[in-house]
């Protein structure tokens, strides 16, 4: 399934106060490419989104760009959220890891939701309540949430594949783990 990221990439550029030329320079994309997708002459495909997310300054937009959701407490924002709103949380650092009081994290997250999003959350909580939240806190779900950059991008692309394609990818990974590198594409083979 093809996806056009043009409007979102333009929103990111504008939120950062950048010209098309500045955006081209920092992302390594050509100015023509940016002009074309912003004018809706060409689609901004996944490769363009990937190149954009490789720029550290744009990491905070990963979740929004890929899923239309944000997680302000993990410094994931949408361009319409100001930097001030996302950095309002006073972080304590313990062993190099930011620490936020659970109450403050929850309240800050809720304060960024619009009425439609609050209604959606209310519906989910009224139906599934704490079960949903506990599932969200499971380690493997946290591992998925905490993926960054290209790894997150690849994980999100898997959801659009049919079961057979995912099984083929899984089989190749299993073959790689067993050392059967002949069956793998060259890019997946271990280099010595």
Protein backbone atom coordinates (compact mmCIF):
# COMPACT_ATOMS: atom_id res chain seq x y z
CA UNK A 1 0.00 0.00 0.00
CA UNK A 2 1.45 3.31 -1.11
CA UNK A 3 1.19 6.29 1.18
CA UNK A 4 1.67 9.98 0.35
CA UNK A 5 3.47 11.93 3.07
CA UNK A 6 3.52 15.26 1.18
CA UNK A 7 1.18 17.28 3.41
CA UNK A 8 2.81 16.04 6.59
CA UNK A 9 6.34 16.75 5.36
CA UNK A 10 5.27 20.24 4.33
CA UNK A 11 3.72 20.75 7.79
CA UNK A 12 6.97 19.64 9.44
CA UNK A 13 9.00 22.02 7.27
CA UNK A 14 6.72 24.93 8.09
CA UNK A 15 6.59 24.06 11.81
CA UNK A 16 10.38 24.24 11.86
CA UNK A 17 10.26 27.63 10.09
CA UNK A 18 12.32 26.34 7.18
CA UNK A 19 12.28 27.30 3.52
CA UNK A 20 12.08 24.57 0.91
CA UNK A 21 15.77 25.15 0.16
CA UNK A 22 16.77 24.80 3.83
CA UNK A 23 14.66 21.64 4.14
CA UNK A 24 16.33 20.22 1.02
CA UNK A 25 19.80 20.94 2.38
CA UNK A 26 19.20 19.37 5.79
CA UNK A 27 17.43 16.25 4.46
CA UNK A 28 19.61 15.66 1.41
CA UNK A 29 16.56 15.74 -0.86
CA UNK A 30 16.65 17.81 -4.02
CA UNK A 31 14.83 21.12 -4.05
CA UNK A 32 12.91 19.92 -7.10
CA UNK A 33 11.66 16.85 -5.22
CA UNK A 34 10.37 19.01 -2.39
CA UNK A 35 8.73 21.50 -4.76
CA UNK A 36 7.07 18.69 -6.71
CA UNK A 37 5.53 16.90 -3.75
CA UNK A 38 4.46 20.15 -2.07
CA UNK A 39 2.75 21.19 -5.32
CA UNK A 40 1.12 17.73 -5.46
CA UNK A 41 2.87 16.97 -8.75
CA UNK A 42 4.52 13.86 -7.28
CA UNK A 43 3.83 11.73 -4.23
CA UNK A 44 6.15 11.91 -1.25
CA UNK A 45 6.78 8.20 -0.84
CA UNK A 46 8.17 6.29 2.12
CA UNK A 47 11.80 6.80 1.04
CA UNK A 48 11.37 10.58 1.32
CA UNK A 49 9.78 10.22 4.76
CA UNK A 50 12.64 7.92 5.81
CA UNK A 51 15.31 10.44 4.69
CA UNK A 52 13.51 13.17 6.61
CA UNK A 53 13.31 11.08 9.80
CA UNK A 54 17.04 10.35 9.62
CA UNK A 55 17.65 14.01 10.52
CA UNK A 56 17.83 14.10 14.36
CA UNK A 57 15.92 17.39 14.50
CA UNK A 58 12.88 15.66 12.95
CA UNK A 59 12.85 12.53 15.17
CA UNK A 60 10.18 14.13 17.34
CA UNK A 61 7.73 13.88 14.41
CA UNK A 62 8.20 10.13 13.74
CA UNK A 63 5.07 8.88 15.51
CA UNK A 64 2.85 11.58 14.01
CA UNK A 65 4.25 11.14 10.51
CA UNK A 66 3.76 7.38 10.52
CA UNK A 67 0.57 6.93 12.56
CA UNK A 68 -1.17 10.30 13.07
CA UNK A 69 -0.69 9.98 16.82
CA UNK A 70 1.66 11.70 19.23
CA UNK A 71 3.24 10.77 22.52
CA UNK A 72 4.27 14.09 24.10
CA UNK A 73 5.96 12.51 27.10
CA UNK A 74 8.42 10.72 24.84
CA UNK A 75 9.12 13.89 22.88
CA UNK A 76 6.96 12.86 19.93
CA UNK A 77 4.93 15.79 18.64
CA UNK A 78 2.82 16.92 15.74
CA UNK A 79 3.85 20.14 14.03
CA UNK A 80 0.89 22.06 15.42
CA UNK A 81 2.08 21.40 18.98
CA UNK A 82 4.56 24.00 20.09
CA UNK A 83 7.92 23.06 21.55
CA UNK A 84 6.82 24.79 24.75
CA UNK A 85 3.89 22.42 25.21
CA UNK A 86 6.10 19.37 24.83
CA UNK A 87 8.86 20.62 27.10
CA UNK A 88 6.56 21.86 29.86
CA UNK A 89 7.26 18.66 31.73
CA UNK A 90 10.13 19.13 34.10
CA UNK A 91 12.31 16.11 33.68
CA UNK A 92 14.45 14.62 36.39
CA UNK A 93 17.32 12.50 35.21
CA UNK A 94 18.16 9.23 36.90
CA UNK A 95 20.96 7.14 35.42
CA UNK A 96 20.74 9.18 32.21
CA UNK A 97 17.03 8.41 31.74
CA UNK A 98 14.40 11.16 32.02
CA UNK A 99 12.00 10.50 34.89
CA UNK A 100 8.50 11.99 35.04
CA UNK A 101 5.97 11.52 37.79
CA UNK A 102 3.23 9.23 36.47
CA UNK A 103 0.50 11.69 37.42
CA UNK A 104 2.20 14.59 35.63
CA UNK A 105 2.89 12.46 32.55
CA UNK A 106 -0.75 11.39 32.31
CA UNK A 107 -2.13 14.89 32.89
CA UNK A 108 0.27 16.40 30.38
CA UNK A 109 -0.70 13.80 27.79
CA UNK A 110 -4.39 14.44 28.37
CA UNK A 111 -3.95 18.20 28.13
CA UNK A 112 -2.70 17.88 24.54
CA UNK A 113 -5.81 16.03 23.34
CA UNK A 114 -8.60 17.81 21.51
CA UNK A 115 -12.29 17.12 22.26
CA UNK A 116 -12.58 14.43 19.58
CA UNK A 117 -9.50 12.61 20.91
CA UNK A 118 -10.74 12.88 24.51
CA UNK A 119 -14.09 11.38 23.48
CA UNK A 120 -12.28 8.52 21.73
CA UNK A 121 -10.16 7.89 24.84
CA UNK A 122 -13.26 7.99 27.03
CA UNK A 123 -14.93 5.36 24.82
CA UNK A 124 -11.89 3.06 24.93
CA UNK A 125 -11.52 3.40 28.69
CA UNK A 126 -15.22 2.84 29.33
CA UNK A 127 -15.17 -0.36 27.26
CA UNK A 128 -11.81 -1.83 28.12
CA UNK A 129 -10.55 0.34 30.94
CA UNK A 130 -7.43 -0.72 32.74
CA UNK A 131 -6.97 -3.83 30.58
CA UNK A 132 -6.10 -1.63 27.61
CA UNK A 133 -3.67 0.44 29.64
CA UNK A 134 -2.00 -2.66 31.08
CA UNK A 135 -1.55 -4.11 27.58
CA UNK A 136 0.01 -0.84 26.51
CA UNK A 137 2.50 -1.13 29.36
CA UNK A 138 3.58 -4.70 28.47
CA UNK A 139 7.29 -4.83 27.67
CA UNK A 140 6.93 -5.93 24.04
CA UNK A 141 4.45 -3.11 23.38
CA UNK A 142 6.82 -0.66 25.05
CA UNK A 143 9.63 -2.00 22.86
CA UNK A 144 7.53 -1.23 19.78
CA UNK A 145 6.61 2.22 21.06
CA UNK A 146 10.26 3.00 21.79
CA UNK A 147 11.56 2.06 18.34
CA UNK A 148 13.23 5.02 16.65
CA UNK A 149 13.92 6.16 13.12
CA UNK A 150 14.14 3.51 10.43
CA UNK A 151 13.35 0.61 12.79
CA UNK A 152 10.01 2.21 13.68
CA UNK A 153 9.37 2.95 10.02
CA UNK A 154 9.97 -0.70 9.04
CA UNK A 155 7.83 -2.02 11.90
CA UNK A 156 4.94 0.21 10.86
CA UNK A 157 5.28 -0.86 7.22
CA UNK A 158 4.74 -4.51 8.29
CA UNK A 159 1.17 -3.77 9.36
CA UNK A 160 0.19 -3.13 5.73
CA UNK A 161 1.56 -6.44 4.45
CA UNK A 162 -0.53 -9.56 4.08
CA UNK A 163 0.18 -12.56 6.32
CA UNK A 164 2.05 -14.45 3.58
CA UNK A 165 4.52 -11.58 3.03
CA UNK A 166 5.14 -11.28 6.78
CA UNK A 167 5.71 -15.06 7.02
CA UNK A 168 8.27 -14.86 4.18
CA UNK A 169 10.12 -12.09 5.98
CA UNK A 170 10.01 -14.09 9.21
CA UNK A 171 11.34 -17.20 7.43
CA UNK A 172 14.27 -15.19 6.04
CA UNK A 173 15.09 -13.86 9.50
CA UNK A 174 14.94 -17.39 10.92
CA UNK A 175 17.25 -18.62 8.15
CA UNK A 176 19.66 -15.81 8.95
CA UNK A 177 19.62 -16.75 12.63
CA UNK A 178 20.39 -20.38 11.71
CA UNK A 179 23.31 -19.26 9.55
CA UNK A 180 21.70 -20.18 6.25
CA UNK A 181 22.93 -17.01 4.58
CA UNK A 182 22.74 -18.39 1.04
CA UNK A 183 18.95 -18.08 1.10
CA UNK A 184 19.07 -14.45 2.17
CA UNK A 185 19.29 -11.30 0.08
CA UNK A 186 22.84 -9.93 0.12
CA UNK A 187 21.76 -6.95 2.27
CA UNK A 188 20.61 -9.30 5.05
CA UNK A 189 23.74 -11.47 5.10
CA UNK A 190 26.24 -11.03 7.90
CA UNK A 191 29.52 -9.50 6.85
CA UNK A 192 32.72 -10.64 8.48
